[in-house]
Amino acid sequence: MPDEIINMTDMGTIFSVTDAMGIHRESVSVELTKEDPGSINRADGGKIEITIPETGTVEEFAQLLQAELEGMGYESQDLDDEDDEDVD
């Protein structure tokens, strides 16, 4: 039985990847417990379902998450649009 619960730092790491790819946070579901081997799936409704693995670091998993999401067709978004609004 898994004994490690995800924390806010873990969630921040996951959201740093999904946010950069333009995926709305309400479209992401992360299991509260870490379980090996971990998983990344897209449900029928388009929701991304994530289970962080118990072994390894969440940073290593974030790299895998980015690669898997790119394989699903997601791309990094240009976050400079907000900066352009500040320029007169």
PDB file of N, CA and C in Angstrom:
ATOM      1  N   MET A   1       0.842  -1.181   0.000  1.00  0.00           N
ATOM      2  CA  MET A   1       0.000   0.000   0.000  1.00  0.00           C
ATOM      3  C   MET A   1       0.888   1.246   0.000  1.00  0.00           C
ATOM      4  N   PRO A   2       0.576   2.200  -0.878  1.00  0.00           N
ATOM      5  CA  PRO A   2       1.413   3.401  -0.926  1.00  0.00           C
ATOM      6  C   PRO A   2       1.289   4.203   0.354  1.00  0.00           C
ATOM      7  N   ASP A   3       2.421   4.733   0.799  1.00  0.00           N
ATOM      8  CA  ASP A   3       2.370   5.481   2.055  1.00  0.00           C
ATOM      9  C   ASP A   3       2.797   6.928   1.879  1.00  0.00           C
ATOM     10  N   GLU A   4       3.093   7.337   0.678  1.00  0.00           N
ATOM     11  CA  GLU A   4       3.533   8.708   0.479  1.00  0.00           C
ATOM     12  C   GLU A   4       2.424   9.516  -0.201  1.00  0.00           C
ATOM     13  N   ILE A   5       2.076  10.615   0.417  1.00  0.00           N
ATOM     14  CA  ILE A   5       1.048  11.521  -0.092  1.00  0.00           C
ATOM     15  C   ILE A   5       1.736  12.681  -0.810  1.00  0.00           C
ATOM     16  N   ILE A   6       1.157  13.133  -1.921  1.00  0.00           N
ATOM     17  CA  ILE A   6       1.737  14.282  -2.620  1.00  0.00           C
ATOM     18  C   ILE A   6       1.584  15.532  -1.758  1.00  0.00           C
ATOM     19  N   ASN A   7       2.452  16.504  -1.993  1.00  0.00           N
ATOM     20  CA  ASN A   7       2.389  17.757  -1.237  1.00  0.00           C
ATOM     21  C   ASN A   7       2.282  18.934  -2.212  1.00  0.00           C
ATOM     22  N   MET A   8       2.237  20.126  -1.662  1.00  0.00           N
ATOM     23  CA  MET A   8       2.072  21.315  -2.493  1.00  0.00           C
ATOM     24  C   MET A   8       3.266  21.531  -3.433  1.00  0.00           C
ATOM     25  N   THR A   9       4.450  21.165  -3.000  1.00  0.00           N
ATOM     26  CA  THR A   9       5.623  21.274  -3.868  1.00  0.00           C
ATOM     27  C   THR A   9       5.478  20.348  -5.074  1.00  0.00           C
ATOM     28  N   ASP A  10       4.999  19.128  -4.830  1.00  0.00           N
ATOM     29  CA  ASP A  10       4.760  18.185  -5.923  1.00  0.00           C
ATOM     30  C   ASP A  10       3.752  18.767  -6.913  1.00  0.00           C
ATOM     31  N   MET A  11       2.656  19.316  -6.387  1.00  0.00           N
ATOM     32  CA  MET A  11       1.621  19.889  -7.243  1.00  0.00           C
ATOM     33  C   MET A  11       2.175  21.077  -8.039  1.00  0.00           C
ATOM     34  N   GLY A  12       2.994  21.882  -7.391  1.00  0.00           N
ATOM     35  CA  GLY A  12       3.604  23.019  -8.082  1.00  0.00           C
ATOM     36  C   GLY A  12       4.464  22.575  -9.252  1.00  0.00           C
ATOM     37  N   THR A  13       5.191  21.491  -9.061  1.00  0.00           N
ATOM     38  CA  THR A  13       6.043  20.961 -10.125  1.00  0.00           C
ATOM     39  C   THR A  13       5.193  20.457 -11.290  1.00  0.00           C
ATOM     40  N   ILE A  14       4.124  19.737 -10.983  1.00  0.00           N
ATOM     41  CA  ILE A  14       3.228  19.237 -12.027  1.00  0.00           C
ATOM     42  C   ILE A  14       2.578  20.403 -12.768  1.00  0.00           C
ATOM     43  N   PHE A  15       2.058  21.377 -12.006  1.00  0.00           N
ATOM     44  CA  PHE A  15       1.403  22.519 -12.630  1.00  0.00           C
ATOM     45  C   PHE A  15       2.376  23.381 -13.443  1.00  0.00           C
ATOM     46  N   SER A  16       3.654  23.399 -13.076  1.00  0.00           N
ATOM     47  CA  SER A  16       4.612  24.170 -13.870  1.00  0.00           C
ATOM     48  C   SER A  16       4.700  23.610 -15.289  1.00  0.00           C
ATOM     49  N   VAL A  17       4.518  22.301 -15.422  1.00  0.00           N
ATOM     50  CA  VAL A  17       4.539  21.670 -16.747  1.00  0.00           C
ATOM     51  C   VAL A  17       3.214  21.902 -17.468  1.00  0.00           C
ATOM     52  N   THR A  18       2.104  21.587 -16.805  1.00  0.00           N
ATOM     53  CA  THR A  18       0.803  21.691 -17.469  1.00  0.00           C
ATOM     54  C   THR A  18       0.444  23.141 -17.782  1.00  0.00           C
ATOM     55  N   ASP A  19       0.760  24.072 -16.872  1.00  0.00           N
ATOM     56  CA  ASP A  19       0.489  25.489 -17.132  1.00  0.00           C
ATOM     57  C   ASP A  19       1.249  25.973 -18.363  1.00  0.00           C
ATOM     58  N   ALA A  20       2.516  25.581 -18.472  1.00  0.00           N
ATOM     59  CA  ALA A  20       3.349  26.001 -19.599  1.00  0.00           C
ATOM     60  C   ALA A  20       2.827  25.465 -20.927  1.00  0.00           C
ATOM     61  N   MET A  21       2.035  24.384 -20.843  1.00  0.00           N
ATOM     62  CA  MET A  21       1.489  23.791 -22.062  1.00  0.00           C
ATOM     63  C   MET A  21       0.060  24.263 -22.318  1.00  0.00           C
ATOM     64  N   GLY A  22      -0.399  25.222 -21.516  1.00  0.00           N
ATOM     65  CA  GLY A  22      -1.724  25.790 -21.737  1.00  0.00           C
ATOM     66  C   GLY A  22      -2.864  24.893 -21.304  1.00  0.00           C
ATOM     67  N   ILE A  23      -2.590  23.927 -20.446  1.00  0.00           N
ATOM     68  CA  ILE A  23      -3.629  23.013 -19.967  1.00  0.00           C
ATOM     69  C   ILE A  23      -4.247  23.607 -18.710  1.00  0.00           C
ATOM     70  N   HIS A  24      -5.552  23.855 -18.743  1.00  0.00           N
ATOM     71  CA  HIS A  24      -6.249  24.448 -17.604  1.00  0.00           C
ATOM     72  C   HIS A  24      -6.176  23.500 -16.412  1.00  0.00           C
ATOM     73  N   ARG A  25      -5.955  24.055 -15.239  1.00  0.00           N
ATOM     74  CA  ARG A  25      -5.794  23.237 -14.034  1.00  0.00           C
ATOM     75  C   ARG A  25      -7.012  22.379 -13.724  1.00  0.00           C
ATOM     76  N   GLU A  26      -8.193  22.819 -14.110  1.00  0.00           N
ATOM     77  CA  GLU A  26      -9.388  22.005 -13.886  1.00  0.00           C
ATOM     78  C   GLU A  26      -9.442  20.798 -14.810  1.00  0.00           C
ATOM     79  N   SER A  27      -8.559  20.777 -15.808  1.00  0.00           N
ATOM     80  CA  SER A  27      -8.476  19.652 -16.736  1.00  0.00           C
ATOM     81  C   SER A  27      -7.414  18.647 -16.315  1.00  0.00           C
ATOM     82  N   VAL A  28      -6.847  18.850 -15.122  1.00  0.00           N
ATOM     83  CA  VAL A  28      -5.792  17.972 -14.613  1.00  0.00           C
ATOM     84  C   VAL A  28      -6.259  17.336 -13.312  1.00  0.00           C
ATOM     85  N   SER A  29      -6.140  16.032 -13.228  1.00  0.00           N
ATOM     86  CA  SER A  29      -6.482  15.298 -12.013  1.00  0.00           C
ATOM     87  C   SER A  29      -5.226  14.561 -11.546  1.00  0.00           C
ATOM     88  N   VAL A  30      -4.809  14.829 -10.307  1.00  0.00           N
ATOM     89  CA  VAL A  30      -3.606  14.186  -9.774  1.00  0.00           C
ATOM     90  C   VAL A  30      -4.003  13.341  -8.563  1.00  0.00           C
ATOM     91  N   GLU A  31      -3.666  12.066  -8.613  1.00  0.00           N
ATOM     92  CA  GLU A  31      -3.936  11.142  -7.510  1.00  0.00           C
ATOM     93  C   GLU A  31      -3.226  11.650  -6.260  1.00  0.00           C
ATOM     94  N   LEU A  32      -3.881  11.550  -5.114  1.00  0.00           N
ATOM     95  CA  LEU A  32      -3.310  12.079  -3.873  1.00  0.00           C
ATOM     96  C   LEU A  32      -2.157  11.247  -3.325  1.00  0.00           C
ATOM     97  N   THR A  33      -2.115   9.972  -3.677  1.00  0.00           N
ATOM     98  CA  THR A  33      -1.019   9.124  -3.210  1.00  0.00           C
ATOM     99  C   THR A  33      -0.073   8.831  -4.373  1.00  0.00           C
ATOM    100  N   LYS A  34       1.193   8.701  -4.032  1.00  0.00           N
ATOM    101  CA  LYS A  34       2.198   8.320  -5.027  1.00  0.00           C
ATOM    102  C   LYS A  34       2.175   6.802  -5.145  1.00  0.00           C
ATOM    103  N   GLU A  35       2.179   6.302  -6.379  1.00  0.00           N
ATOM    104  CA  GLU A  35       2.151   4.864  -6.617  1.00  0.00           C
ATOM    105  C   GLU A  35       3.028   4.524  -7.809  1.00  0.00           C
ATOM    106  N   ASP A  36       3.875   3.522  -7.638  1.00  0.00           N
ATOM    107  CA  ASP A  36       4.704   3.059  -8.751  1.00  0.00           C
ATOM    108  C   ASP A  36       3.873   2.236  -9.710  1.00  0.00           C
ATOM    109  N   PRO A  37       4.099   2.343 -10.980  1.00  0.00           N
ATOM    110  CA  PRO A  37       5.189   3.060 -11.624  1.00  0.00           C
ATOM    111  C   PRO A  37       4.844   4.511 -11.978  1.00  0.00           C
ATOM    112  N   GLY A  38       3.695   4.999 -11.547  1.00  0.00           N
ATOM    113  CA  GLY A  38       3.236   6.325 -11.954  1.00  0.00           C
ATOM    114  C   GLY A  38       2.507   6.198 -13.283  1.00  0.00           C
ATOM    115  N   SER A  39       1.706   7.204 -13.630  1.00  0.00           N
ATOM    116  CA  SER A  39       0.998   7.131 -14.908  1.00  0.00           C
ATOM    117  C   SER A  39       0.564   8.514 -15.372  1.00  0.00           C
ATOM    118  N   ILE A  40       0.367   8.605 -16.686  1.00  0.00           N
ATOM    119  CA  ILE A  40      -0.113   9.822 -17.334  1.00  0.00           C
ATOM    120  C   ILE A  40      -1.089   9.361 -18.405  1.00  0.00           C
ATOM    121  N   ASN A  41      -2.351   9.723 -18.253  1.00  0.00           N
ATOM    122  CA  ASN A  41      -3.373   9.293 -19.204  1.00  0.00           C
ATOM    123  C   ASN A  41      -4.298  10.445 -19.546  1.00  0.00           C
ATOM    124  N   ARG A  42      -4.894  10.363 -20.732  1.00  0.00           N
ATOM    125  CA  ARG A  42      -5.934  11.314 -21.104  1.00  0.00           C
ATOM    126  C   ARG A  42      -7.247  10.537 -21.114  1.00  0.00           C
ATOM    127  N   ALA A  43      -8.181  10.949 -20.257  1.00  0.00           N
ATOM    128  CA  ALA A  43      -9.483  10.300 -20.165  1.00  0.00           C
ATOM    129  C   ALA A  43     -10.340  10.695 -21.364  1.00  0.00           C
ATOM    130  N   ASP A  44     -11.451   9.996 -21.552  1.00  0.00           N
ATOM    131  CA  ASP A  44     -12.346  10.252 -22.678  1.00  0.00           C
ATOM    132  C   ASP A  44     -12.791  11.708 -22.753  1.00  0.00           C
ATOM    133  N   GLY A  45     -13.043  12.351 -21.618  1.00  0.00           N
ATOM    134  CA  GLY A  45     -13.479  13.742 -21.606  1.00  0.00           C
ATOM    135  C   GLY A  45     -12.361  14.737 -21.817  1.00  0.00           C
ATOM    136  N   GLY A  46     -11.131  14.264 -22.046  1.00  0.00           N
ATOM    137  CA  GLY A  46      -9.992  15.144 -22.272  1.00  0.00           C
ATOM    138  C   GLY A  46      -9.211  15.478 -21.022  1.00  0.00           C
ATOM    139  N   LYS A  47      -9.696  15.039 -19.856  1.00  0.00           N
ATOM    140  CA  LYS A  47      -8.999  15.316 -18.599  1.00  0.00           C
ATOM    141  C   LYS A  47      -7.699  14.517 -18.555  1.00  0.00           C
ATOM    142  N   ILE A  48      -6.634  15.177 -18.086  1.00  0.00           N
ATOM    143  CA  ILE A  48      -5.342  14.520 -17.921  1.00  0.00           C
ATOM    144  C   ILE A  48      -5.298  13.939 -16.510  1.00  0.00           C
ATOM    145  N   GLU A  49      -5.109  12.624 -16.416  1.00  0.00           N
ATOM    146  CA  GLU A  49      -5.053  11.928 -15.134  1.00  0.00           C
ATOM    147  C   GLU A  49      -3.606  11.534 -14.854  1.00  0.00           C
ATOM    148  N   ILE A  50      -3.099  11.977 -13.694  1.00  0.00           N
ATOM    149  CA  ILE A  50      -1.688  11.796 -13.362  1.00  0.00           C
ATOM    150  C   ILE A  50      -1.549  11.094 -12.023  1.00  0.00           C
ATOM    151  N   THR A  51      -0.662  10.121 -11.974  1.00  0.00           N
ATOM    152  CA  THR A  51      -0.241   9.505 -10.721  1.00  0.00           C
ATOM    153  C   THR A  51       1.270   9.642 -10.654  1.00  0.00           C
ATOM    154  N   ILE A  52       1.764  10.332  -9.639  1.00  0.00           N
ATOM    155  CA  ILE A  52       3.198  10.524  -9.450  1.00  0.00           C
ATOM    156  C   ILE A  52       3.780   9.235  -8.876  1.00  0.00           C
ATOM    157  N   PRO A  53       4.913   8.773  -9.412  1.00  0.00           N
ATOM    158  CA  PRO A  53       5.505   7.539  -8.876  1.00  0.00           C
ATOM    159  C   PRO A  53       6.092   7.744  -7.483  1.00  0.00           C
ATOM    160  N   GLU A  54       6.107   6.667  -6.723  1.00  0.00           N
ATOM    161  CA  GLU A  54       6.649   6.696  -5.360  1.00  0.00           C
ATOM    162  C   GLU A  54       8.179   6.754  -5.372  1.00  0.00           C
ATOM    163  N   THR A  55       8.784   6.116  -6.380  1.00  0.00           N
ATOM    164  CA  THR A  55      10.247   6.125  -6.477  1.00  0.00           C
ATOM    165  C   THR A  55      10.682   7.191  -7.478  1.00  0.00           C
ATOM    166  N   GLY A  56      11.897   7.680  -7.326  1.00  0.00           N
ATOM    167  CA  GLY A  56      12.392   8.751  -8.176  1.00  0.00           C
ATOM    168  C   GLY A  56      11.921  10.089  -7.646  1.00  0.00           C
ATOM    169  N   THR A  57      12.329  11.160  -8.335  1.00  0.00           N
ATOM    170  CA  THR A  57      11.947  12.499  -7.898  1.00  0.00           C
ATOM    171  C   THR A  57      10.791  13.013  -8.747  1.00  0.00           C
ATOM    172  N   VAL A  58      10.057  13.941  -8.197  1.00  0.00           N
ATOM    173  CA  VAL A  58       8.958  14.543  -8.955  1.00  0.00           C
ATOM    174  C   VAL A  58       9.510  15.362 -10.121  1.00  0.00           C
ATOM    175  N   GLU A  59      10.717  15.881  -9.991  1.00  0.00           N
ATOM    176  CA  GLU A  59      11.345  16.623 -11.085  1.00  0.00           C
ATOM    177  C   GLU A  59      11.638  15.700 -12.271  1.00  0.00           C
ATOM    178  N   GLU A  60      12.108  14.486 -11.986  1.00  0.00           N
ATOM    179  CA  GLU A  60      12.334  13.507 -13.051  1.00  0.00           C
ATOM    180  C   GLU A  60      11.008  13.150 -13.721  1.00  0.00           C
ATOM    181  N   PHE A  61       9.980  12.975 -12.908  1.00  0.00           N
ATOM    182  CA  PHE A  61       8.664  12.652 -13.444  1.00  0.00           C
ATOM    183  C   PHE A  61       8.118  13.806 -14.285  1.00  0.00           C
ATOM    184  N   ALA A  62       8.402  15.044 -13.892  1.00  0.00           N
ATOM    185  CA  ALA A  62       7.934  16.211 -14.644  1.00  0.00           C
ATOM    186  C   ALA A  62       8.510  16.206 -16.060  1.00  0.00           C
ATOM    187  N   GLN A  63       9.740  15.764 -16.219  1.00  0.00           N
ATOM    188  CA  GLN A  63      10.339  15.669 -17.557  1.00  0.00           C
ATOM    189  C   GLN A  63       9.588  14.639 -18.398  1.00  0.00           C
ATOM    190  N   LEU A  64       9.262  13.502 -17.776  1.00  0.00           N
ATOM    191  CA  LEU A  64       8.483  12.476 -18.456  1.00  0.00           C
ATOM    192  C   LEU A  64       7.091  13.013 -18.792  1.00  0.00           C
ATOM    193  N   LEU A  65       6.483  13.735 -17.850  1.00  0.00           N
ATOM    194  CA  LEU A  65       5.163  14.322 -18.062  1.00  0.00           C
ATOM    195  C   LEU A  65       5.174  15.231 -19.280  1.00  0.00           C
ATOM    196  N   GLN A  66       6.167  16.094 -19.380  1.00  0.00           N
ATOM    197  CA  GLN A  66       6.249  17.003 -20.527  1.00  0.00           C
ATOM    198  C   GLN A  66       6.354  16.214 -21.830  1.00  0.00           C
ATOM    199  N   ALA A  67       7.206  15.213 -21.851  1.00  0.00           N
ATOM    200  CA  ALA A  67       7.381  14.409 -23.065  1.00  0.00           C
ATOM    201  C   ALA A  67       6.087  13.676 -23.429  1.00  0.00           C
ATOM    202  N   GLU A  68       5.403  13.121 -22.440  1.00  0.00           N
ATOM    203  CA  GLU A  68       4.147  12.407 -22.694  1.00  0.00           C
ATOM    204  C   GLU A  68       3.070  13.359 -23.213  1.00  0.00           C
ATOM    205  N   LEU A  69       2.977  14.548 -22.626  1.00  0.00           N
ATOM    206  CA  LEU A  69       1.982  15.519 -23.068  1.00  0.00           C
ATOM    207  C   LEU A  69       2.276  15.990 -24.488  1.00  0.00           C
ATOM    208  N   GLU A  70       3.554  16.172 -24.810  1.00  0.00           N
ATOM    209  CA  GLU A  70       3.927  16.523 -26.180  1.00  0.00           C
ATOM    210  C   GLU A  70       3.517  15.407 -27.136  1.00  0.00           C
ATOM    211  N   GLY A  71       3.679  14.159 -26.697  1.00  0.00           N
ATOM    212  CA  GLY A  71       3.261  13.015 -27.501  1.00  0.00           C
ATOM    213  C   GLY A  71       1.749  12.970 -27.712  1.00  0.00           C
ATOM    214  N   MET A  72       0.994  13.571 -26.802  1.00  0.00           N
ATOM    215  CA  MET A  72      -0.464  13.655 -26.922  1.00  0.00           C
ATOM    216  C   MET A  72      -0.893  14.854 -27.780  1.00  0.00           C
ATOM    217  N   GLY A  73       0.094  15.654 -28.220  1.00  0.00           N
ATOM    218  CA  GLY A  73      -0.213  16.771 -29.091  1.00  0.00           C
ATOM    219  C   GLY A  73      -0.197  18.136 -28.424  1.00  0.00           C
ATOM    220  N   TYR A  74       0.086  18.200 -27.129  1.00  0.00           N
ATOM    221  CA  TYR A  74       0.182  19.490 -26.447  1.00  0.00           C
ATOM    222  C   TYR A  74       1.526  20.125 -26.766  1.00  0.00           C
ATOM    223  N   GLU A  75       1.542  21.459 -26.797  1.00  0.00           N
ATOM    224  CA  GLU A  75       2.776  22.200 -27.070  1.00  0.00           C
ATOM    225  C   GLU A  75       2.957  23.280 -26.030  1.00  0.00           C
ATOM    226  N   SER A  76       4.204  23.647 -25.775  1.00  0.00           N
ATOM    227  CA  SER A  76       4.485  24.754 -24.868  1.00  0.00           C
ATOM    228  C   SER A  76       3.882  26.023 -25.447  1.00  0.00           C
ATOM    229  N   GLN A  77       3.283  26.817 -24.571  1.00  0.00           N
ATOM    230  CA  GLN A  77       2.636  28.058 -24.980  1.00  0.00           C
ATOM    231  C   GLN A  77       3.600  29.219 -24.820  1.00  0.00           C
ATOM    232  N   ASP A  78       3.437  30.235 -25.658  1.00  0.00           N
ATOM    233  CA  ASP A  78       4.238  31.450 -25.562  1.00  0.00           C
ATOM    234  C   ASP A  78       3.652  32.312 -24.453  1.00  0.00           C
ATOM    235  N   LEU A  79       4.350  32.407 -23.331  1.00  0.00           N
ATOM    236  CA  LEU A  79       3.847  33.158 -22.187  1.00  0.00           C
ATOM    237  C   LEU A  79       4.249  34.623 -22.243  1.00  0.00           C
ATOM    238  N   ASP A  80       4.884  35.058 -23.334  1.00  0.00           N
ATOM    239  CA  ASP A  80       5.324  36.442 -23.454  1.00  0.00           C
ATOM    240  C   ASP A  80       4.202  37.391 -23.860  1.00  0.00           C
ATOM    241  N   ASP A  81       3.021  36.877 -24.176  1.00  0.00           N
ATOM    242  CA  ASP A  81       1.908  37.734 -24.604  1.00  0.00           C
ATOM    243  C   ASP A  81       1.557  38.767 -23.554  1.00  0.00           C
ATOM    244  N   GLU A  82       1.589  38.394 -22.272  1.00  0.00           N
ATOM    245  CA  GLU A  82       1.284  39.333 -21.203  1.00  0.00           C
ATOM    246  C   GLU A  82       2.334  40.433 -21.134  1.00  0.00           C
ATOM    247  N   ASP A  83       3.582  40.090 -21.385  1.00  0.00           N
ATOM    248  CA  ASP A  83       4.648  41.080 -21.351  1.00  0.00           C
ATOM    249  C   ASP A  83       4.484  42.105 -22.461  1.00  0.00           C
ATOM    250  N   ASP A  84       3.969  41.669 -23.627  1.00  0.00           N
ATOM    251  CA  ASP A  84       3.781  42.572 -24.757  1.00  0.00           C
ATOM    252  C   ASP A  84       2.764  43.666 -24.443  1.00  0.00           C
ATOM    253  N   GLU A  85       1.800  43.384 -23.584  1.00  0.00           N
ATOM    254  CA  GLU A  85       0.776  44.362 -23.246  1.00  0.00           C
ATOM    255  C   GLU A  85       1.350  45.531 -22.439  1.00  0.00           C
ATOM    256  N   ASP A  86       2.450  45.279 -21.733  1.00  0.00           N
ATOM    257  CA  ASP A  86       3.048  46.312 -20.903  1.00  0.00           C
ATOM    258  C   ASP A  86       3.889  47.302 -21.697  1.00  0.00           C
ATOM    259  N   VAL A  87       4.215  46.957 -22.933  1.00  0.00           N
ATOM    260  CA  VAL A  87       5.062  47.794 -23.760  1.00  0.00           C
ATOM    261  C   VAL A  87       4.181  48.827 -24.468  1.00  0.00           C
ATOM    262  N   ASP A  88       4.539  50.114 -24.324  1.00  0.00           N
ATOM    263  CA  ASP A  88       3.782  51.180 -25.000  1.00  0.00           C
ATOM    264  C   ASP A  88       4.474  51.650 -26.234  1.00  0.00           C
TER     265      ASP A  88
END
